[in-house]
Amino acid sequence: MSARVKHLNGRLPSVVEDEIHRLMLVDYRIAALVLVPTAGDFSGPLKVAFSTRRFSDLTGYENAQVADRETDWLQGPETDAQALEDIRAAVVAGEEAETHLLSYTNAGDAFWVRVQAHPLKRRDGVMDGVSVFFSPAEKTRASYLSDVWSRIEAAWGDEHPQADDDRF
């Protein structure tokens, strides 16, 4: 059964309510959370306003366990902090974002997940919430390390030319 909570300040904004109603129709097929800000803006913590049954199946967290909680429990020691920051920055800017993350189940088991964040905006452009969709990813530790290495090389850039010797 999906979990639904009221916003800390009372009723949820209508755009958030609409998204929850939409997700309730496919609650068993799509792993998703609907997040709302705790302090009125998106620069601070976000809390779970709704979670689907499929999210519970994927993560092992019962819906009642996630309702009205921040989402840091999905992270663990090997979760890519930069990927989390990239998603957070996109959310604060009101933009869509997508990445692959090493996430953790309720039992503490790591698993790769594709995360997509979509802002929930009113007609006037004001963002009231965020839908976050999760799908299992076929990423491996080797491909993750390859991605990290690519980022290191990109950051290193042309400022540091390759050595001419073959010692490495």
N, C-alpha and C. Protein backbone atom coordinates (compact mmCIF):
# COMPACT_ATOMS: atom_id res chain seq x y z
N MET A 1 0.84 -1.17 0.00
CA MET A 1 0.00 0.00 0.00
C MET A 1 0.89 1.24 0.00
N SER A 2 0.54 2.23 -0.78
CA SER A 2 1.35 3.43 -0.86
C SER A 2 1.15 4.28 0.38
N ALA A 3 2.14 5.09 0.67
CA ALA A 3 2.08 5.96 1.83
C ALA A 3 1.92 7.40 1.37
N ARG A 4 1.12 8.12 2.09
CA ARG A 4 0.86 9.51 1.74
C ARG A 4 0.78 10.30 3.02
N VAL A 5 1.42 11.45 3.04
CA VAL A 5 1.39 12.28 4.24
C VAL A 5 0.97 13.69 3.86
N LYS A 6 0.56 14.42 4.85
CA LYS A 6 0.23 15.83 4.62
C LYS A 6 1.50 16.65 4.74
N HIS A 7 1.51 17.75 4.03
CA HIS A 7 2.63 18.68 4.10
C HIS A 7 2.74 19.19 5.53
N LEU A 8 3.93 19.53 5.95
CA LEU A 8 4.13 19.98 7.32
C LEU A 8 3.27 21.19 7.67
N ASN A 9 2.98 22.04 6.67
CA ASN A 9 2.19 23.24 6.93
C ASN A 9 0.71 23.04 6.63
N GLY A 10 0.25 21.83 6.48
CA GLY A 10 -1.15 21.57 6.18
C GLY A 10 -1.32 20.81 4.88
N ARG A 11 -2.27 21.23 4.08
CA ARG A 11 -2.61 20.56 2.82
C ARG A 11 -1.46 20.68 1.81
N LEU A 12 -1.29 19.63 1.02
CA LEU A 12 -0.26 19.66 -0.03
C LEU A 12 -0.70 20.58 -1.16
N PRO A 13 0.25 21.23 -1.83
CA PRO A 13 -0.10 22.06 -3.00
C PRO A 13 -0.81 21.22 -4.06
N SER A 14 -1.68 21.84 -4.84
CA SER A 14 -2.50 21.10 -5.81
C SER A 14 -1.66 20.37 -6.85
N VAL A 15 -0.56 20.94 -7.30
CA VAL A 15 0.27 20.27 -8.30
C VAL A 15 0.88 18.99 -7.71
N VAL A 16 1.18 19.01 -6.43
CA VAL A 16 1.71 17.82 -5.75
C VAL A 16 0.60 16.79 -5.58
N GLU A 17 -0.58 17.24 -5.17
CA GLU A 17 -1.73 16.34 -5.05
C GLU A 17 -2.04 15.67 -6.39
N ASP A 18 -2.00 16.44 -7.47
CA ASP A 18 -2.26 15.89 -8.80
C ASP A 18 -1.26 14.80 -9.16
N GLU A 19 0.01 15.03 -8.86
CA GLU A 19 1.05 14.04 -9.15
C GLU A 19 0.84 12.78 -8.31
N ILE A 20 0.46 12.95 -7.07
CA ILE A 20 0.20 11.79 -6.20
C ILE A 20 -0.95 10.97 -6.76
N HIS A 21 -2.01 11.63 -7.17
CA HIS A 21 -3.16 10.91 -7.75
C HIS A 21 -2.74 10.16 -9.01
N ARG A 22 -1.91 10.79 -9.83
CA ARG A 22 -1.42 10.15 -11.06
C ARG A 22 -0.60 8.91 -10.73
N LEU A 23 0.29 9.03 -9.74
CA LEU A 23 1.14 7.90 -9.37
C LEU A 23 0.37 6.78 -8.67
N MET A 24 -0.70 7.13 -7.98
CA MET A 24 -1.50 6.11 -7.30
C MET A 24 -2.08 5.11 -8.30
N LEU A 25 -2.31 5.55 -9.52
CA LEU A 25 -2.87 4.67 -10.55
C LEU A 25 -1.88 3.60 -11.01
N VAL A 26 -0.58 3.89 -10.87
CA VAL A 26 0.46 2.95 -11.32
C VAL A 26 1.42 2.62 -10.18
N ASP A 27 0.93 2.75 -8.98
CA ASP A 27 1.69 2.61 -7.75
C ASP A 27 2.48 1.30 -7.67
N TYR A 28 1.97 0.24 -8.23
CA TYR A 28 2.62 -1.07 -8.18
C TYR A 28 3.60 -1.29 -9.32
N ARG A 29 3.63 -0.36 -10.30
CA ARG A 29 4.50 -0.53 -11.47
C ARG A 29 5.69 0.42 -11.50
N ILE A 30 5.60 1.54 -10.83
CA ILE A 30 6.65 2.56 -10.91
C ILE A 30 7.19 2.84 -9.52
N ALA A 31 8.51 2.76 -9.38
CA ALA A 31 9.16 3.10 -8.11
C ALA A 31 9.36 4.61 -8.09
N ALA A 32 8.65 5.28 -7.19
CA ALA A 32 8.72 6.74 -7.18
C ALA A 32 8.48 7.29 -5.78
N LEU A 33 9.03 8.48 -5.59
CA LEU A 33 8.77 9.30 -4.40
C LEU A 33 8.30 10.66 -4.87
N VAL A 34 7.45 11.29 -4.10
CA VAL A 34 7.13 12.70 -4.30
C VAL A 34 7.68 13.42 -3.08
N LEU A 35 8.55 14.39 -3.34
CA LEU A 35 9.22 15.12 -2.27
C LEU A 35 8.72 16.56 -2.20
N VAL A 36 8.66 17.09 -0.99
CA VAL A 36 8.29 18.49 -0.78
C VAL A 36 9.31 19.12 0.16
N PRO A 37 9.49 20.45 0.06
CA PRO A 37 10.46 21.10 0.94
C PRO A 37 9.95 21.16 2.37
N THR A 38 10.87 21.15 3.31
CA THR A 38 10.47 21.24 4.72
C THR A 38 10.37 22.69 5.18
N ALA A 39 11.08 23.59 4.52
CA ALA A 39 11.12 24.97 4.99
C ALA A 39 10.64 25.96 3.94
N GLY A 40 9.90 25.51 2.95
CA GLY A 40 9.35 26.43 1.97
C GLY A 40 10.17 26.62 0.72
N ASP A 41 11.46 26.30 0.76
CA ASP A 41 12.25 26.38 -0.47
C ASP A 41 13.04 25.08 -0.65
N PHE A 42 13.62 24.94 -1.81
CA PHE A 42 14.24 23.67 -2.16
C PHE A 42 15.73 23.62 -1.85
N SER A 43 16.27 24.65 -1.22
CA SER A 43 17.69 24.62 -0.88
C SER A 43 17.94 23.80 0.39
N GLY A 44 16.90 23.62 1.18
CA GLY A 44 17.02 22.83 2.41
C GLY A 44 16.58 21.40 2.19
N PRO A 45 16.38 20.68 3.28
CA PRO A 45 15.98 19.28 3.18
C PRO A 45 14.61 19.11 2.52
N LEU A 46 14.46 17.98 1.84
CA LEU A 46 13.18 17.60 1.24
C LEU A 46 12.66 16.37 1.98
N LYS A 47 11.35 16.30 2.14
CA LYS A 47 10.74 15.16 2.82
C LYS A 47 9.80 14.44 1.88
N VAL A 48 9.59 13.17 2.17
CA VAL A 48 8.73 12.32 1.36
C VAL A 48 7.26 12.63 1.67
N ALA A 49 6.52 13.02 0.64
CA ALA A 49 5.08 13.23 0.76
C ALA A 49 4.31 12.01 0.27
N PHE A 50 4.95 11.20 -0.58
CA PHE A 50 4.28 10.02 -1.14
C PHE A 50 5.34 9.04 -1.62
N SER A 51 5.05 7.76 -1.46
CA SER A 51 5.92 6.72 -2.02
C SER A 51 5.03 5.62 -2.59
N THR A 52 5.51 5.00 -3.65
CA THR A 52 4.73 3.95 -4.30
C THR A 52 5.07 2.57 -3.73
N ARG A 53 4.18 1.64 -3.97
CA ARG A 53 4.44 0.25 -3.54
C ARG A 53 5.67 -0.31 -4.23
N ARG A 54 5.85 0.02 -5.49
CA ARG A 54 7.01 -0.47 -6.24
C ARG A 54 8.31 0.05 -5.63
N PHE A 55 8.30 1.27 -5.11
CA PHE A 55 9.47 1.81 -4.42
C PHE A 55 9.80 0.94 -3.21
N SER A 56 8.78 0.57 -2.47
CA SER A 56 8.96 -0.30 -1.31
C SER A 56 9.53 -1.66 -1.73
N ASP A 57 9.02 -2.20 -2.83
CA ASP A 57 9.54 -3.49 -3.33
C ASP A 57 11.01 -3.38 -3.72
N LEU A 58 11.38 -2.27 -4.33
CA LEU A 58 12.75 -2.07 -4.80
C LEU A 58 13.74 -1.88 -3.66
N THR A 59 13.35 -1.11 -2.65
CA THR A 59 14.28 -0.71 -1.59
C THR A 59 14.15 -1.50 -0.29
N GLY A 60 13.02 -2.16 -0.11
CA GLY A 60 12.81 -2.86 1.15
C GLY A 60 12.30 -1.97 2.27
N TYR A 61 12.15 -0.70 2.00
CA TYR A 61 11.60 0.22 3.00
C TYR A 61 10.08 0.19 2.90
N GLU A 62 9.42 -0.11 4.00
CA GLU A 62 7.96 -0.05 4.02
C GLU A 62 7.55 1.41 3.85
N ASN A 63 6.45 1.60 3.19
CA ASN A 63 6.01 2.96 2.89
C ASN A 63 5.85 3.81 4.14
N ALA A 64 5.34 3.23 5.21
CA ALA A 64 5.18 3.99 6.45
C ALA A 64 6.53 4.42 7.03
N GLN A 65 7.61 3.70 6.70
CA GLN A 65 8.94 4.06 7.19
C GLN A 65 9.50 5.30 6.50
N VAL A 66 9.06 5.57 5.28
CA VAL A 66 9.64 6.68 4.52
C VAL A 66 8.79 7.94 4.59
N ALA A 67 7.51 7.80 4.92
CA ALA A 67 6.61 8.95 4.94
C ALA A 67 7.11 10.02 5.90
N ASP A 68 7.18 11.24 5.39
CA ASP A 68 7.56 12.42 6.18
C ASP A 68 9.02 12.38 6.64
N ARG A 69 9.87 11.63 5.92
CA ARG A 69 11.29 11.57 6.24
C ARG A 69 12.12 12.17 5.12
N GLU A 70 13.30 12.66 5.46
CA GLU A 70 14.26 13.08 4.45
C GLU A 70 14.81 11.83 3.78
N THR A 71 15.50 12.00 2.65
CA THR A 71 15.90 10.85 1.84
C THR A 71 17.35 10.40 2.03
N ASP A 72 18.02 10.85 3.05
CA ASP A 72 19.41 10.47 3.25
C ASP A 72 19.58 8.98 3.55
N TRP A 73 18.54 8.28 3.93
CA TRP A 73 18.62 6.85 4.23
C TRP A 73 18.86 6.01 2.99
N LEU A 74 18.71 6.58 1.80
CA LEU A 74 19.00 5.84 0.56
C LEU A 74 20.49 5.88 0.21
N GLN A 75 21.24 6.68 0.93
CA GLN A 75 22.67 6.84 0.66
C GLN A 75 23.48 5.93 1.57
N GLY A 76 24.71 5.70 1.14
CA GLY A 76 25.61 4.89 1.94
C GLY A 76 27.04 5.33 1.72
N PRO A 77 27.98 4.58 2.27
CA PRO A 77 29.38 4.98 2.21
C PRO A 77 29.95 5.07 0.80
N GLU A 78 29.39 4.34 -0.16
CA GLU A 78 29.95 4.38 -1.52
C GLU A 78 29.05 5.12 -2.51
N THR A 79 28.05 5.82 -2.02
CA THR A 79 27.20 6.63 -2.90
C THR A 79 28.02 7.82 -3.37
N ASP A 80 27.96 8.12 -4.64
CA ASP A 80 28.73 9.20 -5.25
C ASP A 80 28.19 10.56 -4.79
N ALA A 81 28.95 11.24 -3.96
CA ALA A 81 28.53 12.54 -3.41
C ALA A 81 28.35 13.58 -4.51
N GLN A 82 29.18 13.54 -5.55
CA GLN A 82 29.06 14.51 -6.64
C GLN A 82 27.77 14.30 -7.42
N ALA A 83 27.39 13.06 -7.65
CA ALA A 83 26.13 12.78 -8.35
C ALA A 83 24.95 13.28 -7.53
N LEU A 84 25.00 13.09 -6.22
CA LEU A 84 23.95 13.61 -5.35
C LEU A 84 23.88 15.13 -5.42
N GLU A 85 25.04 15.77 -5.40
CA GLU A 85 25.08 17.23 -5.48
C GLU A 85 24.55 17.73 -6.82
N ASP A 86 24.86 17.02 -7.90
CA ASP A 86 24.35 17.40 -9.22
C ASP A 86 22.82 17.34 -9.26
N ILE A 87 22.26 16.28 -8.69
CA ILE A 87 20.79 16.16 -8.63
C ILE A 87 20.22 17.29 -7.78
N ARG A 88 20.83 17.52 -6.64
CA ARG A 88 20.37 18.56 -5.71
C ARG A 88 20.40 19.93 -6.39
N ALA A 89 21.49 20.24 -7.10
CA ALA A 89 21.61 21.53 -7.79
C ALA A 89 20.53 21.69 -8.85
N ALA A 90 20.25 20.63 -9.58
CA ALA A 90 19.19 20.69 -10.60
C ALA A 90 17.83 20.92 -9.95
N VAL A 91 17.57 20.24 -8.85
CA VAL A 91 16.30 20.42 -8.15
C VAL A 91 16.15 21.86 -7.66
N VAL A 92 17.20 22.39 -7.05
CA VAL A 92 17.16 23.78 -6.56
C VAL A 92 16.89 24.74 -7.71
N ALA A 93 17.46 24.44 -8.89
CA ALA A 93 17.27 25.30 -10.07
C ALA A 93 15.93 25.03 -10.77
N GLY A 94 15.18 24.04 -10.29
CA GLY A 94 13.90 23.72 -10.90
C GLY A 94 14.02 23.00 -12.22
N GLU A 95 15.12 22.27 -12.39
CA GLU A 95 15.37 21.56 -13.65
C GLU A 95 15.26 20.05 -13.45
N GLU A 96 15.02 19.35 -14.55
CA GLU A 96 15.03 17.89 -14.51
C GLU A 96 16.47 17.40 -14.41
N ALA A 97 16.65 16.23 -13.83
CA ALA A 97 17.99 15.66 -13.70
C ALA A 97 17.89 14.14 -13.75
N GLU A 98 18.98 13.53 -14.18
CA GLU A 98 19.04 12.07 -14.25
C GLU A 98 20.47 11.64 -13.98
N THR A 99 20.62 10.56 -13.22
CA THR A 99 21.94 10.01 -12.96
C THR A 99 21.78 8.55 -12.51
N HIS A 100 22.90 7.87 -12.40
CA HIS A 100 22.94 6.54 -11.81
C HIS A 100 23.61 6.67 -10.45
N LEU A 101 23.06 6.02 -9.46
CA LEU A 101 23.59 6.08 -8.11
C LEU A 101 23.72 4.68 -7.52
N LEU A 102 24.70 4.54 -6.65
CA LEU A 102 24.76 3.35 -5.81
C LEU A 102 23.91 3.68 -4.59
N SER A 103 22.79 3.00 -4.46
CA SER A 103 21.86 3.25 -3.37
C SER A 103 21.88 2.06 -2.43
N TYR A 104 21.12 2.15 -1.36
CA TYR A 104 21.12 1.09 -0.36
C TYR A 104 19.71 0.71 0.04
N THR A 105 19.48 -0.58 0.20
CA THR A 105 18.18 -1.08 0.64
C THR A 105 18.07 -0.94 2.16
N ASN A 106 16.90 -1.24 2.66
CA ASN A 106 16.67 -1.21 4.10
C ASN A 106 17.57 -2.21 4.82
N ALA A 107 17.93 -3.30 4.15
CA ALA A 107 18.81 -4.32 4.73
C ALA A 107 20.29 -3.93 4.64
N GLY A 108 20.58 -2.79 3.98
CA GLY A 108 21.96 -2.34 3.85
C GLY A 108 22.67 -2.84 2.61
N ASP A 109 21.95 -3.52 1.73
CA ASP A 109 22.55 -4.03 0.49
C ASP A 109 22.63 -2.92 -0.54
N ALA A 110 23.78 -2.81 -1.19
CA ALA A 110 23.97 -1.80 -2.22
C ALA A 110 23.36 -2.28 -3.53
N PHE A 111 22.80 -1.35 -4.29
CA PHE A 111 22.29 -1.67 -5.62
C PHE A 111 22.36 -0.42 -6.48
N TRP A 112 22.57 -0.61 -7.78
CA TRP A 112 22.62 0.50 -8.72
C TRP A 112 21.20 0.87 -9.13
N VAL A 113 20.95 2.15 -9.19
CA VAL A 113 19.63 2.63 -9.55
C VAL A 113 19.76 3.86 -10.46
N ARG A 114 18.90 3.92 -11.44
CA ARG A 114 18.79 5.11 -12.28
C ARG A 114 17.78 6.02 -11.61
N VAL A 115 18.18 7.26 -11.35
CA VAL A 115 17.35 8.23 -10.66
C VAL A 115 17.00 9.36 -11.62
N GLN A 116 15.71 9.67 -11.70
CA GLN A 116 15.25 10.78 -12.52
C GLN A 116 14.42 11.70 -11.63
N ALA A 117 14.78 12.97 -11.59
CA ALA A 117 14.05 13.96 -10.80
C ALA A 117 13.33 14.92 -11.73
N HIS A 118 12.05 15.14 -11.46
CA HIS A 118 11.23 16.03 -12.29
C HIS A 118 10.54 17.04 -11.38
N PRO A 119 10.77 18.33 -11.61
CA PRO A 119 10.11 19.34 -10.77
C PRO A 119 8.60 19.36 -11.01
N LEU A 120 7.86 19.62 -9.96
CA LEU A 120 6.41 19.78 -10.05
C LEU A 120 6.12 21.27 -9.90
N LYS A 121 5.79 21.89 -11.02
CA LYS A 121 5.60 23.34 -11.04
C LYS A 121 4.15 23.71 -11.32
N ARG A 122 3.73 24.80 -10.68
CA ARG A 122 2.41 25.36 -10.97
C ARG A 122 2.46 26.08 -12.31
N ARG A 123 1.33 26.51 -12.77
CA ARG A 123 1.27 27.23 -14.05
C ARG A 123 2.10 28.51 -14.04
N ASP A 124 2.24 29.12 -12.87
CA ASP A 124 3.04 30.35 -12.79
C ASP A 124 4.54 30.08 -12.69
N GLY A 125 4.93 28.80 -12.77
CA GLY A 125 6.35 28.44 -12.78
C GLY A 125 6.94 28.16 -11.41
N VAL A 126 6.18 28.37 -10.35
CA VAL A 126 6.68 28.12 -9.00
C VAL A 126 6.69 26.62 -8.75
N MET A 127 7.81 26.13 -8.24
CA MET A 127 7.96 24.70 -7.97
C MET A 127 7.44 24.39 -6.57
N ASP A 128 6.57 23.38 -6.47
CA ASP A 128 5.99 22.98 -5.19
C ASP A 128 6.48 21.62 -4.71
N GLY A 129 7.08 20.84 -5.59
CA GLY A 129 7.53 19.51 -5.22
C GLY A 129 8.40 18.91 -6.31
N VAL A 130 8.84 17.70 -6.07
CA VAL A 130 9.68 16.99 -7.02
C VAL A 130 9.24 15.53 -7.05
N SER A 131 9.05 15.01 -8.25
CA SER A 131 8.84 13.57 -8.42
C SER A 131 10.20 12.94 -8.70
N VAL A 132 10.50 11.88 -8.00
CA VAL A 132 11.76 11.17 -8.21
C VAL A 132 11.43 9.73 -8.56
N PHE A 133 11.91 9.31 -9.73
CA PHE A 133 11.65 7.96 -10.23
C PHE A 133 12.92 7.12 -10.14
N PHE A 134 12.75 5.87 -9.75
CA PHE A 134 13.87 4.96 -9.56
C PHE A 134 13.66 3.72 -10.42
N SER A 135 14.72 3.30 -11.11
CA SER A 135 14.65 2.04 -11.84
C SER A 135 15.99 1.33 -11.68
N PRO A 136 15.95 0.01 -11.49
CA PRO A 136 17.21 -0.73 -11.33
C PRO A 136 18.12 -0.50 -12.53
N ALA A 137 19.39 -0.37 -12.26
CA ALA A 137 20.37 -0.13 -13.33
C ALA A 137 21.32 -1.32 -13.40
N GLU A 138 21.84 -1.54 -14.58
CA GLU A 138 22.76 -2.65 -14.80
C GLU A 138 24.22 -2.21 -14.65
N LYS A 139 24.43 -1.18 -13.90
CA LYS A 139 25.77 -0.65 -13.73
C LYS A 139 26.58 -1.60 -12.83
N THR A 140 27.87 -1.67 -13.09
CA THR A 140 28.75 -2.49 -12.27
C THR A 140 29.76 -1.58 -11.59
N ARG A 141 30.44 -2.11 -10.61
CA ARG A 141 31.47 -1.32 -9.93
C ARG A 141 32.55 -0.89 -10.93
N ALA A 142 32.90 -1.75 -11.86
CA ALA A 142 33.93 -1.41 -12.85
C ALA A 142 33.48 -0.24 -13.72
N SER A 143 32.21 -0.24 -14.16
CA SER A 143 31.75 0.87 -14.99
C SER A 143 31.64 2.15 -14.17
N TYR A 144 31.30 2.03 -12.89
CA TYR A 144 31.27 3.19 -12.01
C TYR A 144 32.66 3.79 -11.89
N LEU A 145 33.65 2.96 -11.64
CA LEU A 145 35.03 3.45 -11.51
C LEU A 145 35.51 4.05 -12.83
N SER A 146 35.09 3.48 -13.94
CA SER A 146 35.43 4.05 -15.24
C SER A 146 34.84 5.45 -15.40
N ASP A 147 33.59 5.62 -14.96
CA ASP A 147 32.95 6.94 -15.01
C ASP A 147 33.69 7.94 -14.13
N VAL A 148 34.07 7.50 -12.93
CA VAL A 148 34.80 8.38 -12.02
C VAL A 148 36.14 8.77 -12.65
N TRP A 149 36.83 7.80 -13.23
CA TRP A 149 38.11 8.08 -13.87
C TRP A 149 37.94 9.08 -15.02
N SER A 150 36.88 8.93 -15.79
CA SER A 150 36.61 9.87 -16.89
C SER A 150 36.42 11.29 -16.36
N ARG A 151 35.72 11.41 -15.23
CA ARG A 151 35.54 12.74 -14.63
C ARG A 151 36.86 13.32 -14.14
N ILE A 152 37.71 12.46 -13.58
CA ILE A 152 39.02 12.93 -13.12
C ILE A 152 39.84 13.42 -14.31
N GLU A 153 39.83 12.63 -15.39
CA GLU A 153 40.58 13.04 -16.58
C GLU A 153 40.04 14.34 -17.16
N ALA A 154 38.73 14.50 -17.18
CA ALA A 154 38.12 15.73 -17.71
C ALA A 154 38.50 16.93 -16.84
N ALA A 155 38.53 16.73 -15.53
CA ALA A 155 38.91 17.82 -14.62
C ALA A 155 40.39 18.15 -14.76
N TRP A 156 41.20 17.13 -15.02
CA TRP A 156 42.63 17.32 -15.19
C TRP A 156 42.89 18.18 -16.41
N GLY A 157 42.17 17.89 -17.49
CA GLY A 157 42.16 18.71 -18.70
C GLY A 157 43.49 18.85 -19.40
N ASP A 158 43.54 19.84 -20.25
CA ASP A 158 44.72 20.11 -21.08
C ASP A 158 45.83 20.83 -20.33
N GLU A 159 45.55 21.24 -19.10
CA GLU A 159 46.57 21.95 -18.33
C GLU A 159 47.75 21.05 -17.98
N HIS A 160 47.53 19.75 -17.99
CA HIS A 160 48.55 18.80 -17.59
C HIS A 160 48.76 17.79 -18.71
N PRO A 161 49.63 18.08 -19.68
CA PRO A 161 49.84 17.17 -20.80
C PRO A 161 50.39 15.82 -20.33
N GLN A 162 50.08 14.79 -21.09
CA GLN A 162 50.54 13.44 -20.78
C GLN A 162 52.07 13.39 -20.82
N ALA A 163 52.63 12.54 -19.99
CA ALA A 163 54.08 12.32 -20.01
C ALA A 163 54.44 11.58 -21.29
N ASP A 164 55.63 11.86 -21.82
CA ASP A 164 56.05 11.23 -23.07
C ASP A 164 56.65 9.85 -22.86
N ASP A 165 56.98 9.51 -21.62
CA ASP A 165 57.60 8.20 -21.43
C ASP A 165 56.53 7.13 -21.24
N ASP A 166 56.93 5.90 -21.37
CA ASP A 166 56.00 4.77 -21.29
C ASP A 166 56.09 4.04 -19.95
N ARG A 167 56.54 4.71 -18.92
CA ARG A 167 56.70 4.05 -17.63
C ARG A 167 55.36 3.67 -17.02
N PHE A 168 54.32 4.30 -17.40
CA PHE A 168 53.03 4.05 -16.76
C PHE A 168 52.21 3.26 -17.67
